[in-house]
Amino acid sequence: GYALSILKFRGQGAVYNFILFQMFYPSIILLVPTFLIIRYLG
């Protein structure tokens, strides 16, 4: 939050918009991919 509100860097708006966009997705959609990543990492 400090980086996105106080610091200035290239692509700051795109990162913030991406975070807002991700908030609209129900977490259940990412359940299987997250599980596969966890299993792949041991």
PDB file of all heavy atoms in Angstrom:
ATOM      1  N   GLY A   1       0.814  -1.210   0.000  1.00  0.00           N
ATOM      2  CA  GLY A   1       0.000   0.000   0.000  1.00  0.00           C
ATOM      3  C   GLY A   1       0.846   1.258   0.000  1.00  0.00           C
ATOM      4  O   GLY A   1       0.499   2.254  -0.660  1.00  0.00           O
ATOM      5  N   TYR A   2       1.963   1.222   0.734  1.00  0.00           N
ATOM      6  CA  TYR A   2       2.872   2.380   0.747  1.00  0.00           C
ATOM      7  C   TYR A   2       3.488   2.586  -0.628  1.00  0.00           C
ATOM      8  O   TYR A   2       3.593   3.727  -1.115  1.00  0.00           O
ATOM      9  CB  TYR A   2       3.957   2.140   1.790  1.00  0.00           C
ATOM     10  CG  TYR A   2       4.966   3.250   1.887  1.00  0.00           C
ATOM     11  CD1 TYR A   2       4.706   4.388   2.647  1.00  0.00           C
ATOM     12  CD2 TYR A   2       6.185   3.161   1.231  1.00  0.00           C
ATOM     13  CE1 TYR A   2       5.641   5.410   2.744  1.00  0.00           C
ATOM     14  CE2 TYR A   2       7.125   4.172   1.318  1.00  0.00           C
ATOM     15  CZ  TYR A   2       6.841   5.296   2.072  1.00  0.00           C
ATOM     16  OH  TYR A   2       7.775   6.315   2.171  1.00  0.00           O
ATOM     17  N   ALA A   3       3.906   1.502  -1.273  1.00  0.00           N
ATOM     18  CA  ALA A   3       4.518   1.620  -2.600  1.00  0.00           C
ATOM     19  C   ALA A   3       3.528   2.160  -3.622  1.00  0.00           C
ATOM     20  O   ALA A   3       3.881   2.981  -4.476  1.00  0.00           O
ATOM     21  CB  ALA A   3       5.053   0.253  -3.044  1.00  0.00           C
ATOM     22  N   LEU A   4       2.275   1.723  -3.546  1.00  0.00           N
ATOM     23  CA  LEU A   4       1.285   2.129  -4.535  1.00  0.00           C
ATOM     24  C   LEU A   4       0.714   3.516  -4.267  1.00  0.00           C
ATOM     25  O   LEU A   4       0.159   4.138  -5.186  1.00  0.00           O
ATOM     26  CB  LEU A   4       0.135   1.115  -4.561  1.00  0.00           C
ATOM     27  CG  LEU A   4       0.483  -0.275  -5.106  1.00  0.00           C
ATOM     28  CD1 LEU A   4      -0.664  -1.247  -4.889  1.00  0.00           C
ATOM     29  CD2 LEU A   4       0.842  -0.191  -6.589  1.00  0.00           C
ATOM     30  N   SER A   5       0.837   4.017  -3.057  1.00  0.00           N
ATOM     31  CA  SER A   5       0.243   5.311  -2.737  1.00  0.00           C
ATOM     32  C   SER A   5       1.267   6.434  -2.586  1.00  0.00           C
ATOM     33  O   SER A   5       0.947   7.599  -2.859  1.00  0.00           O
ATOM     34  CB  SER A   5      -0.560   5.207  -1.435  1.00  0.00           C
ATOM     35  OG  SER A   5       0.281   4.790  -0.363  1.00  0.00           O
ATOM     36  N   ILE A   6       2.483   6.098  -2.182  1.00  0.00           N
ATOM     37  CA  ILE A   6       3.483   7.131  -1.888  1.00  0.00           C
ATOM     38  C   ILE A   6       4.601   7.146  -2.921  1.00  0.00           C
ATOM     39  O   ILE A   6       4.972   8.204  -3.449  1.00  0.00           O
ATOM     40  CB  ILE A   6       4.071   6.932  -0.474  1.00  0.00           C
ATOM     41  CG1 ILE A   6       2.958   6.910   0.572  1.00  0.00           C
ATOM     42  CG2 ILE A   6       5.084   8.021  -0.165  1.00  0.00           C
ATOM     43  CD1 ILE A   6       2.116   8.164   0.635  1.00  0.00           C
ATOM     44  N   LEU A   7       5.161   5.993  -3.204  1.00  0.00           N
ATOM     45  CA  LEU A   7       6.273   5.926  -4.151  1.00  0.00           C
ATOM     46  C   LEU A   7       5.771   6.110  -5.576  1.00  0.00           C
ATOM     47  O   LEU A   7       4.616   5.833  -5.883  1.00  0.00           O
ATOM     48  CB  LEU A   7       6.995   4.584  -4.014  1.00  0.00           C
ATOM     49  CG  LEU A   7       7.544   4.253  -2.622  1.00  0.00           C
ATOM     50  CD1 LEU A   7       8.243   2.908  -2.645  1.00  0.00           C
ATOM     51  CD2 LEU A   7       8.491   5.342  -2.135  1.00  0.00           C
ATOM     52  N   LYS A   8       6.650   6.558  -6.429  1.00  0.00           N
ATOM     53  CA  LYS A   8       6.321   6.757  -7.839  1.00  0.00           C
ATOM     54  C   LYS A   8       7.221   5.864  -8.692  1.00  0.00           C
ATOM     55  O   LYS A   8       8.444   5.921  -8.592  1.00  0.00           O
ATOM     56  CB  LYS A   8       6.519   8.226  -8.243  1.00  0.00           C
ATOM     57  CG  LYS A   8       5.707   9.215  -7.403  1.00  0.00           C
ATOM     58  CD  LYS A   8       4.211   8.960  -7.519  1.00  0.00           C
ATOM     59  CE  LYS A   8       3.417   9.944  -6.665  1.00  0.00           C
ATOM     60  NZ  LYS A   8       1.950   9.665  -6.715  1.00  0.00           N
ATOM     61  N   PHE A   9       6.619   5.002  -9.491  1.00  0.00           N
ATOM     62  CA  PHE A   9       7.394   4.128 -10.365  1.00  0.00           C
ATOM     63  C   PHE A   9       6.577   3.838 -11.614  1.00  0.00           C
ATOM     64  O   PHE A   9       5.346   3.995 -11.630  1.00  0.00           O
ATOM     65  CB  PHE A   9       7.771   2.826  -9.646  1.00  0.00           C
ATOM     66  CG  PHE A   9       6.601   2.047  -9.112  1.00  0.00           C
ATOM     67  CD1 PHE A   9       5.964   1.084  -9.879  1.00  0.00           C
ATOM     68  CD2 PHE A   9       6.132   2.283  -7.822  1.00  0.00           C
ATOM     69  CE1 PHE A   9       4.894   0.362  -9.391  1.00  0.00           C
ATOM     70  CE2 PHE A   9       5.056   1.566  -7.311  1.00  0.00           C
ATOM     71  CZ  PHE A   9       4.433   0.606  -8.103  1.00  0.00           C
ATOM     72  N   ARG A  10       7.246   3.406 -12.654  1.00  0.00           N
ATOM     73  CA  ARG A  10       6.596   3.139 -13.926  1.00  0.00           C
ATOM     74  C   ARG A  10       5.668   1.927 -13.793  1.00  0.00           C
ATOM     75  O   ARG A  10       6.038   0.898 -13.243  1.00  0.00           O
ATOM     76  CB  ARG A  10       7.643   2.875 -15.002  1.00  0.00           C
ATOM     77  CG  ARG A  10       7.067   2.614 -16.393  1.00  0.00           C
ATOM     78  CD  ARG A  10       8.169   2.458 -17.421  1.00  0.00           C
ATOM     79  NE  ARG A  10       8.953   3.683 -17.542  1.00  0.00           N
ATOM     80  CZ  ARG A  10       9.997   3.818 -18.353  1.00  0.00           C
ATOM     81  NH1 ARG A  10      10.389   2.786 -19.107  1.00  0.00           N
ATOM     82  NH2 ARG A  10      10.662   4.958 -18.403  1.00  0.00           N
ATOM     83  N   GLY A  11       4.476   2.054 -14.311  1.00  0.00           N
ATOM     84  CA  GLY A  11       3.496   0.973 -14.247  1.00  0.00           C
ATOM     85  C   GLY A  11       2.728   0.915 -12.950  1.00  0.00           C
ATOM     86  O   GLY A  11       2.031  -0.070 -12.682  1.00  0.00           O
ATOM     87  N   GLN A  12       2.836   1.970 -12.141  1.00  0.00           N
ATOM     88  CA  GLN A  12       2.157   1.968 -10.854  1.00  0.00           C
ATOM     89  C   GLN A  12       0.640   1.841 -11.014  1.00  0.00           C
ATOM     90  O   GLN A  12      -0.015   1.048 -10.322  1.00  0.00           O
ATOM     91  CB  GLN A  12       2.502   3.257 -10.094  1.00  0.00           C
ATOM     92  CG  GLN A  12       1.940   3.331  -8.687  1.00  0.00           C
ATOM     93  CD  GLN A  12       2.378   4.612  -7.997  1.00  0.00           C
ATOM     94  OE1 GLN A  12       2.580   5.651  -8.632  1.00  0.00           O
ATOM     95  NE2 GLN A  12       2.550   4.545  -6.688  1.00  0.00           N
ATOM     96  N   GLY A  13       0.068   2.601 -11.923  1.00  0.00           N
ATOM     97  CA  GLY A  13      -1.367   2.543 -12.153  1.00  0.00           C
ATOM     98  C   GLY A  13      -1.809   1.182 -12.657  1.00  0.00           C
ATOM     99  O   GLY A  13      -2.872   0.676 -12.271  1.00  0.00           O
ATOM    100  N   ALA A  14      -0.982   0.567 -13.539  1.00  0.00           N
ATOM    101  CA  ALA A  14      -1.340  -0.746 -14.073  1.00  0.00           C
ATOM    102  C   ALA A  14      -1.348  -1.804 -12.971  1.00  0.00           C
ATOM    103  O   ALA A  14      -2.225  -2.676 -12.939  1.00  0.00           O
ATOM    104  CB  ALA A  14      -0.362  -1.141 -15.177  1.00  0.00           C
ATOM    105  N   VAL A  15      -0.372  -1.723 -12.069  1.00  0.00           N
ATOM    106  CA  VAL A  15      -0.320  -2.679 -10.952  1.00  0.00           C
ATOM    107  C   VAL A  15      -1.545  -2.525 -10.065  1.00  0.00           C
ATOM    108  O   VAL A  15      -2.175  -3.520  -9.662  1.00  0.00           O
ATOM    109  CB  VAL A  15       0.978  -2.481 -10.138  1.00  0.00           C
ATOM    110  CG1 VAL A  15       0.952  -3.349  -8.881  1.00  0.00           C
ATOM    111  CG2 VAL A  15       2.194  -2.822 -10.982  1.00  0.00           C
ATOM    112  N   TYR A  16      -1.897  -1.283  -9.759  1.00  0.00           N
ATOM    113  CA  TYR A  16      -3.054  -1.040  -8.892  1.00  0.00           C
ATOM    114  C   TYR A  16      -4.348  -1.521  -9.561  1.00  0.00           C
ATOM    115  O   TYR A  16      -5.204  -2.147  -8.916  1.00  0.00           O
ATOM    116  CB  TYR A  16      -3.131   0.444  -8.557  1.00  0.00           C
ATOM    117  CG  TYR A  16      -4.230   0.790  -7.582  1.00  0.00           C
ATOM    118  CD1 TYR A  16      -4.160   0.385  -6.260  1.00  0.00           C
ATOM    119  CD2 TYR A  16      -5.341   1.531  -7.986  1.00  0.00           C
ATOM    120  CE1 TYR A  16      -5.166   0.704  -5.353  1.00  0.00           C
ATOM    121  CE2 TYR A  16      -6.351   1.851  -7.101  1.00  0.00           C
ATOM    122  CZ  TYR A  16      -6.248   1.441  -5.787  1.00  0.00           C
ATOM    123  OH  TYR A  16      -7.254   1.758  -4.894  1.00  0.00           O
ATOM    124  N   ASN A  17      -4.491  -1.242 -10.843  1.00  0.00           N
ATOM    125  CA  ASN A  17      -5.683  -1.695 -11.569  1.00  0.00           C
ATOM    126  C   ASN A  17      -5.746  -3.222 -11.654  1.00  0.00           C
ATOM    127  O   ASN A  17      -6.832  -3.806 -11.601  1.00  0.00           O
ATOM    128  CB  ASN A  17      -5.710  -1.094 -12.972  1.00  0.00           C
ATOM    129  CG  ASN A  17      -5.987   0.400 -12.949  1.00  0.00           C
ATOM    130  OD1 ASN A  17      -6.633   0.911 -12.031  1.00  0.00           O
ATOM    131  ND2 ASN A  17      -5.481   1.111 -13.945  1.00  0.00           N
ATOM    132  N   PHE A  18      -4.585  -3.853 -11.782  1.00  0.00           N
ATOM    133  CA  PHE A  18      -4.551  -5.313 -11.811  1.00  0.00           C
ATOM    134  C   PHE A  18      -5.018  -5.894 -10.477  1.00  0.00           C
ATOM    135  O   PHE A  18      -5.733  -6.901 -10.435  1.00  0.00           O
ATOM    136  CB  PHE A  18      -3.142  -5.797 -12.133  1.00  0.00           C
ATOM    137  CG  PHE A  18      -3.004  -7.290 -12.146  1.00  0.00           C
ATOM    138  CD1 PHE A  18      -3.489  -8.032 -13.207  1.00  0.00           C
ATOM    139  CD2 PHE A  18      -2.391  -7.954 -11.093  1.00  0.00           C
ATOM    140  CE1 PHE A  18      -3.367  -9.414 -13.223  1.00  0.00           C
ATOM    141  CE2 PHE A  18      -2.271  -9.336 -11.097  1.00  0.00           C
ATOM    142  CZ  PHE A  18      -2.755 -10.060 -12.172  1.00  0.00           C
ATOM    143  N   ILE A  19      -4.613  -5.252  -9.379  1.00  0.00           N
ATOM    144  CA  ILE A  19      -5.056  -5.702  -8.053  1.00  0.00           C
ATOM    145  C   ILE A  19      -6.567  -5.561  -7.927  1.00  0.00           C
ATOM    146  O   ILE A  19      -7.263  -6.465  -7.442  1.00  0.00           O
ATOM    147  CB  ILE A  19      -4.321  -4.908  -6.957  1.00  0.00           C
ATOM    148  CG1 ILE A  19      -2.849  -5.315  -6.924  1.00  0.00           C
ATOM    149  CG2 ILE A  19      -4.964  -5.138  -5.595  1.00  0.00           C
ATOM    150  CD1 ILE A  19      -2.009  -4.509  -5.948  1.00  0.00           C
ATOM    151  N   LEU A  20      -7.095  -4.433  -8.362  1.00  0.00           N
ATOM    152  CA  LEU A  20      -8.546  -4.245  -8.311  1.00  0.00           C
ATOM    153  C   LEU A  20      -9.261  -5.273  -9.184  1.00  0.00           C
ATOM    154  O   LEU A  20     -10.318  -5.794  -8.809  1.00  0.00           O
ATOM    155  CB  LEU A  20      -8.899  -2.827  -8.772  1.00  0.00           C
ATOM    156  CG  LEU A  20      -8.432  -1.674  -7.881  1.00  0.00           C
ATOM    157  CD1 LEU A  20      -8.858  -0.340  -8.489  1.00  0.00           C
ATOM    158  CD2 LEU A  20      -9.001  -1.811  -6.477  1.00  0.00           C
ATOM    159  N   PHE A  21      -8.682  -5.558 -10.351  1.00  0.00           N
ATOM    160  CA  PHE A  21      -9.288  -6.533 -11.260  1.00  0.00           C
ATOM    161  C   PHE A  21      -9.317  -7.924 -10.628  1.00  0.00           C
ATOM    162  O   PHE A  21     -10.306  -8.659 -10.746  1.00  0.00           O
ATOM    163  CB  PHE A  21      -8.504  -6.548 -12.574  1.00  0.00           C
ATOM    164  CG  PHE A  21      -8.991  -7.563 -13.561  1.00  0.00           C
ATOM    165  CD1 PHE A  21     -10.190  -7.378 -14.229  1.00  0.00           C
ATOM    166  CD2 PHE A  21      -8.255  -8.706 -13.825  1.00  0.00           C
ATOM    167  CE1 PHE A  21     -10.646  -8.313 -15.140  1.00  0.00           C
ATOM    168  CE2 PHE A  21      -8.699  -9.644 -14.739  1.00  0.00           C
ATOM    169  CZ  PHE A  21      -9.905  -9.440 -15.392  1.00  0.00           C
ATOM    170  N   GLN A  22      -8.231  -8.280  -9.947  1.00  0.00           N
ATOM    171  CA  GLN A  22      -8.161  -9.601  -9.318  1.00  0.00           C
ATOM    172  C   GLN A  22      -9.166  -9.761  -8.192  1.00  0.00           C
ATOM    173  O   GLN A  22      -9.591 -10.881  -7.886  1.00  0.00           O
ATOM    174  CB  GLN A  22      -6.750  -9.841  -8.775  1.00  0.00           C
ATOM    175  CG  GLN A  22      -5.702 -10.091  -9.847  1.00  0.00           C
ATOM    176  CD  GLN A  22      -5.890 -11.441 -10.520  1.00  0.00           C
ATOM    177  OE1 GLN A  22      -6.422 -11.538 -11.607  1.00  0.00           O
ATOM    178  NE2 GLN A  22      -5.455 -12.496  -9.852  1.00  0.00           N
ATOM    179  N   MET A  23      -9.561  -8.660  -7.563  1.00  0.00           N
ATOM    180  CA  MET A  23     -10.505  -8.738  -6.449  1.00  0.00           C
ATOM    181  C   MET A  23     -11.885  -9.190  -6.899  1.00  0.00           C
ATOM    182  O   MET A  23     -12.692  -9.634  -6.078  1.00  0.00           O
ATOM    183  CB  MET A  23     -10.596  -7.379  -5.744  1.00  0.00           C
ATOM    184  CG  MET A  23      -9.325  -6.990  -4.994  1.00  0.00           C
ATOM    185  SD  MET A  23      -9.411  -5.326  -4.285  1.00  0.00           S
ATOM    186  CE  MET A  23     -10.752  -5.536  -3.097  1.00  0.00           C
ATOM    187  N   PHE A  24     -12.179  -9.084  -8.180  1.00  0.00           N
ATOM    188  CA  PHE A  24     -13.480  -9.498  -8.685  1.00  0.00           C
ATOM    189  C   PHE A  24     -13.564 -11.008  -8.919  1.00  0.00           C
ATOM    190  O   PHE A  24     -14.646 -11.538  -9.123  1.00  0.00           O
ATOM    191  CB  PHE A  24     -13.807  -8.763  -9.986  1.00  0.00           C
ATOM    192  CG  PHE A  24     -14.138  -7.309  -9.795  1.00  0.00           C
ATOM    193  CD1 PHE A  24     -13.174  -6.331  -9.965  1.00  0.00           C
ATOM    194  CD2 PHE A  24     -15.413  -6.930  -9.403  1.00  0.00           C
ATOM    195  CE1 PHE A  24     -13.476  -4.986  -9.787  1.00  0.00           C
ATOM    196  CE2 PHE A  24     -15.724  -5.593  -9.218  1.00  0.00           C
ATOM    197  CZ  PHE A  24     -14.761  -4.618  -9.412  1.00  0.00           C
ATOM    198  N   TYR A  25     -12.429 -11.683  -8.917  1.00  0.00           N
ATOM    199  CA  TYR A  25     -12.414 -13.117  -9.159  1.00  0.00           C
ATOM    200  C   TYR A  25     -12.700 -13.861  -7.861  1.00  0.00           C
ATOM    201  O   TYR A  25     -12.067 -13.600  -6.838  1.00  0.00           O
ATOM    202  CB  TYR A  25     -11.046 -13.558  -9.695  1.00  0.00           C
ATOM    203  CG  TYR A  25     -10.925 -13.470 -11.190  1.00  0.00           C
ATOM    204  CD1 TYR A  25     -10.492 -12.299 -11.795  1.00  0.00           C
ATOM    205  CD2 TYR A  25     -11.238 -14.552 -11.996  1.00  0.00           C
ATOM    206  CE1 TYR A  25     -10.377 -12.214 -13.172  1.00  0.00           C
ATOM    207  CE2 TYR A  25     -11.124 -14.478 -13.376  1.00  0.00           C
ATOM    208  CZ  TYR A  25     -10.693 -13.308 -13.953  1.00  0.00           C
ATOM    209  OH  TYR A  25     -10.582 -13.217 -15.322  1.00  0.00           O
ATOM    210  N   PRO A  26     -13.624 -14.818  -7.877  1.00  0.00           N
ATOM    211  CA  PRO A  26     -13.810 -15.663  -6.682  1.00  0.00           C
ATOM    212  C   PRO A  26     -12.594 -16.558  -6.484  1.00  0.00           C
ATOM    213  O   PRO A  26     -12.030 -17.094  -7.448  1.00  0.00           O
ATOM    214  CB  PRO A  26     -15.062 -16.483  -7.031  1.00  0.00           C
ATOM    215  CG  PRO A  26     -15.160 -16.450  -8.512  1.00  0.00           C
ATOM    216  CD  PRO A  26     -14.579 -15.131  -8.942  1.00  0.00           C
ATOM    217  N   SER A  27     -12.189 -16.713  -5.247  1.00  0.00           N
ATOM    218  CA  SER A  27     -10.958 -17.448  -4.950  1.00  0.00           C
ATOM    219  C   SER A  27     -11.044 -18.917  -5.350  1.00  0.00           C
ATOM    220  O   SER A  27     -10.019 -19.569  -5.575  1.00  0.00           O
ATOM    221  CB  SER A  27     -10.637 -17.337  -3.463  1.00  0.00           C
ATOM    222  OG  SER A  27     -11.712 -17.833  -2.684  1.00  0.00           O
ATOM    223  N   ILE A  28     -12.262 -19.461  -5.446  1.00  0.00           N
ATOM    224  CA  ILE A  28     -12.418 -20.878  -5.782  1.00  0.00           C
ATOM    225  C   ILE A  28     -11.875 -21.189  -7.171  1.00  0.00           C
ATOM    226  O   ILE A  28     -11.473 -22.324  -7.465  1.00  0.00           O
ATOM    227  CB  ILE A  28     -13.912 -21.270  -5.674  1.00  0.00           C
ATOM    228  CG1 ILE A  28     -14.082 -22.782  -5.719  1.00  0.00           C
ATOM    229  CG2 ILE A  28     -14.719 -20.606  -6.785  1.00  0.00           C
ATOM    230  CD1 ILE A  28     -13.533 -23.504  -4.538  1.00  0.00           C
ATOM    231  N   ILE A  29     -11.819 -20.170  -8.053  1.00  0.00           N
ATOM    232  CA  ILE A  29     -11.317 -20.386  -9.411  1.00  0.00           C
ATOM    233  C   ILE A  29      -9.848 -20.787  -9.391  1.00  0.00           C
ATOM    234  O   ILE A  29      -9.397 -21.588 -10.210  1.00  0.00           O
ATOM    235  CB  ILE A  29     -11.525 -19.108 -10.258  1.00  0.00           C
ATOM    236  CG1 ILE A  29     -13.021 -18.863 -10.477  1.00  0.00           C
ATOM    237  CG2 ILE A  29     -10.807 -19.213 -11.590  1.00  0.00           C
ATOM    238  CD1 ILE A  29     -13.322 -17.611 -11.247  1.00  0.00           C
ATOM    239  N   LEU A  30      -9.090 -20.245  -8.451  1.00  0.00           N
ATOM    240  CA  LEU A  30      -7.649 -20.492  -8.387  1.00  0.00           C
ATOM    241  C   LEU A  30      -7.296 -21.642  -7.455  1.00  0.00           C
ATOM    242  O   LEU A  30      -6.119 -21.850  -7.156  1.00  0.00           O
ATOM    243  CB  LEU A  30      -6.930 -19.222  -7.924  1.00  0.00           C
ATOM    244  CG  LEU A  30      -7.139 -17.985  -8.799  1.00  0.00           C
ATOM    245  CD1 LEU A  30      -6.427 -16.786  -8.190  1.00  0.00           C
ATOM    246  CD2 LEU A  30      -6.645 -18.234 -10.217  1.00  0.00           C
ATOM    247  N   LEU A  31      -8.290 -22.389  -6.971  1.00  0.00           N
ATOM    248  CA  LEU A  31      -8.031 -23.444  -5.997  1.00  0.00           C
ATOM    249  C   LEU A  31      -7.147 -24.543  -6.582  1.00  0.00           C
ATOM    250  O   LEU A  31      -6.121 -24.916  -5.987  1.00  0.00           O
ATOM    251  CB  LEU A  31      -9.357 -24.037  -5.510  1.00  0.00           C
ATOM    252  CG  LEU A  31      -9.254 -25.108  -4.419  1.00  0.00           C
ATOM    253  CD1 LEU A  31      -8.713 -24.505  -3.139  1.00  0.00           C
ATOM    254  CD2 LEU A  31     -10.622 -25.736  -4.163  1.00  0.00           C
ATOM    255  N   VAL A  32      -7.520 -25.059  -7.753  1.00  0.00           N
ATOM    256  CA  VAL A  32      -6.753 -26.151  -8.349  1.00  0.00           C
ATOM    257  C   VAL A  32      -5.360 -25.703  -8.788  1.00  0.00           C
ATOM    258  O   VAL A  32      -4.371 -26.392  -8.480  1.00  0.00           O
ATOM    259  CB  VAL A  32      -7.533 -26.767  -9.533  1.00  0.00           C
ATOM    260  CG1 VAL A  32      -6.682 -27.808 -10.260  1.00  0.00           C
ATOM    261  CG2 VAL A  32      -8.826 -27.410  -9.031  1.00  0.00           C
ATOM    262  N   PRO A  33      -5.204 -24.565  -9.498  1.00  0.00           N
ATOM    263  CA  PRO A  33      -3.837 -24.136  -9.844  1.00  0.00           C
ATOM    264  C   PRO A  33      -2.952 -23.909  -8.621  1.00  0.00           C
ATOM    265  O   PRO A  33      -1.770 -24.271  -8.638  1.00  0.00           O
ATOM    266  CB  PRO A  33      -4.065 -22.826 -10.613  1.00  0.00           C
ATOM    267  CG  PRO A  33      -5.447 -22.931 -11.146  1.00  0.00           C
ATOM    268  CD  PRO A  33      -6.213 -23.685 -10.106  1.00  0.00           C
ATOM    269  N   THR A  34      -3.516 -23.334  -7.575  1.00  0.00           N
ATOM    270  CA  THR A  34      -2.725 -23.110  -6.365  1.00  0.00           C
ATOM    271  C   THR A  34      -2.298 -24.431  -5.742  1.00  0.00           C
ATOM    272  O   THR A  34      -1.155 -24.587  -5.291  1.00  0.00           O
ATOM    273  CB  THR A  34      -3.530 -22.292  -5.342  1.00  0.00           C
ATOM    274  OG1 THR A  34      -3.985 -21.084  -5.957  1.00  0.00           O
ATOM    275  CG2 THR A  34      -2.677 -21.938  -4.142  1.00  0.00           C
ATOM    276  N   PHE A  35      -3.206 -25.399  -5.729  1.00  0.00           N
ATOM    277  CA  PHE A  35      -2.858 -26.706  -5.176  1.00  0.00           C
ATOM    278  C   PHE A  35      -1.737 -27.373  -5.986  1.00  0.00           C
ATOM    279  O   PHE A  35      -0.812 -27.968  -5.417  1.00  0.00           O
ATOM    280  CB  PHE A  35      -4.097 -27.603  -5.151  1.00  0.00           C
ATOM    281  CG  PHE A  35      -3.800 -29.027  -4.781  1.00  0.00           C
ATOM    282  CD1 PHE A  35      -3.562 -29.376  -3.462  1.00  0.00           C
ATOM    283  CD2 PHE A  35      -3.742 -30.013  -5.759  1.00  0.00           C
ATOM    284  CE1 PHE A  35      -3.275 -30.694  -3.116  1.00  0.00           C
ATOM    285  CE2 PHE A  35      -3.460 -31.326  -5.425  1.00  0.00           C
ATOM    286  CZ  PHE A  35      -3.228 -31.670  -4.102  1.00  0.00           C
ATOM    287  N   LEU A  36      -1.818 -27.278  -7.303  1.00  0.00           N
ATOM    288  CA  LEU A  36      -0.784 -27.886  -8.144  1.00  0.00           C
ATOM    289  C   LEU A  36       0.573 -27.223  -7.915  1.00  0.00           C
ATOM    290  O   LEU A  36       1.610 -27.902  -7.912  1.00  0.00           O
ATOM    291  CB  LEU A  36      -1.187 -27.790  -9.615  1.00  0.00           C
ATOM    292  CG  LEU A  36      -2.430 -28.602 -10.015  1.00  0.00           C
ATOM    293  CD1 LEU A  36      -2.776 -28.359 -11.475  1.00  0.00           C
ATOM    294  CD2 LEU A  36      -2.215 -30.088  -9.754  1.00  0.00           C
ATOM    295  N   ILE A  37       0.574 -25.910  -7.723  1.00  0.00           N
ATOM    296  CA  ILE A  37       1.837 -25.210  -7.447  1.00  0.00           C
ATOM    297  C   ILE A  37       2.408 -25.659  -6.106  1.00  0.00           C
ATOM    298  O   ILE A  37       3.618 -25.902  -5.971  1.00  0.00           O
ATOM    299  CB  ILE A  37       1.604 -23.682  -7.464  1.00  0.00           C
ATOM    300  CG1 ILE A  37       1.264 -23.223  -8.884  1.00  0.00           C
ATOM    301  CG2 ILE A  37       2.842 -22.950  -6.958  1.00  0.00           C
ATOM    302  CD1 ILE A  37       0.848 -21.768  -8.969  1.00  0.00           C
ATOM    303  N   ILE A  38       1.550 -25.768  -5.102  1.00  0.00           N
ATOM    304  CA  ILE A  38       1.999 -26.205  -3.776  1.00  0.00           C
ATOM    305  C   ILE A  38       2.600 -27.605  -3.853  1.00  0.00           C
ATOM    306  O   ILE A  38       3.648 -27.892  -3.268  1.00  0.00           O
ATOM    307  CB  ILE A  38       0.819 -26.163  -2.778  1.00  0.00           C
ATOM    308  CG1 ILE A  38       0.449 -24.715  -2.457  1.00  0.00           C
ATOM    309  CG2 ILE A  38       1.155 -26.918  -1.504  1.00  0.00           C
ATOM    310  CD1 ILE A  38       1.533 -23.935  -1.744  1.00  0.00           C
ATOM    311  N   ARG A  39       1.952 -28.493  -4.599  1.00  0.00           N
ATOM    312  CA  ARG A  39       2.469 -29.865  -4.730  1.00  0.00           C
ATOM    313  C   ARG A  39       3.775 -29.885  -5.524  1.00  0.00           C
ATOM    314  O   ARG A  39       4.709 -30.641  -5.181  1.00  0.00           O
ATOM    315  CB  ARG A  39       1.420 -30.748  -5.408  1.00  0.00           C
ATOM    316  CG  ARG A  39       1.759 -32.231  -5.318  1.00  0.00           C
ATOM    317  CD  ARG A  39       0.674 -33.085  -5.938  1.00  0.00           C
ATOM    318  NE  ARG A  39       0.540 -32.847  -7.378  1.00  0.00           N
ATOM    319  CZ  ARG A  39      -0.265 -33.545  -8.171  1.00  0.00           C
ATOM    320  NH1 ARG A  39      -1.028 -34.501  -7.656  1.00  0.00           N
ATOM    321  NH2 ARG A  39      -0.332 -33.283  -9.458  1.00  0.00           N
ATOM    322  N   TYR A  40       3.869 -29.048  -6.556  1.00  0.00           N
ATOM    323  CA  TYR A  40       5.097 -28.986  -7.359  1.00  0.00           C
ATOM    324  C   TYR A  40       6.278 -28.488  -6.525  1.00  0.00           C
ATOM    325  O   TYR A  40       7.404 -28.956  -6.682  1.00  0.00           O
ATOM    326  CB  TYR A  40       4.877 -28.076  -8.562  1.00  0.00           C
ATOM    327  CG  TYR A  40       6.111 -27.870  -9.411  1.00  0.00           C
ATOM    328  CD1 TYR A  40       6.532 -28.846 -10.318  1.00  0.00           C
ATOM    329  CD2 TYR A  40       6.862 -26.707  -9.301  1.00  0.00           C
ATOM    330  CE1 TYR A  40       7.665 -28.663 -11.088  1.00  0.00           C
ATOM    331  CE2 TYR A  40       7.999 -26.512 -10.063  1.00  0.00           C
ATOM    332  CZ  TYR A  40       8.404 -27.492 -10.961  1.00  0.00           C
ATOM    333  OH  TYR A  40       9.530 -27.305 -11.719  1.00  0.00           O
ATOM    334  N   LEU A  41       6.025 -27.562  -5.605  1.00  0.00           N
ATOM    335  CA  LEU A  41       7.089 -27.016  -4.760  1.00  0.00           C
ATOM    336  C   LEU A  41       7.432 -27.928  -3.586  1.00  0.00           C
ATOM    337  O   LEU A  41       8.341 -27.618  -2.816  1.00  0.00           O
ATOM    338  CB  LEU A  41       6.668 -25.638  -4.226  1.00  0.00           C
ATOM    339  CG  LEU A  41       6.502 -24.530  -5.260  1.00  0.00           C
ATOM    340  CD1 LEU A  41       5.997 -23.254  -4.606  1.00  0.00           C
ATOM    341  CD2 LEU A  41       7.822 -24.257  -5.975  1.00  0.00           C
ATOM    342  N   GLY A  42       6.717 -29.021  -3.435  1.00  0.00           N
ATOM    343  CA  GLY A  42       7.007 -29.949  -2.357  1.00  0.00           C
ATOM    344  C   GLY A  42       6.503 -29.503  -0.999  1.00  0.00           C
ATOM    345  O   GLY A  42       7.030 -29.950   0.027  1.00  0.00           O
TER     346      GLY A  42
END
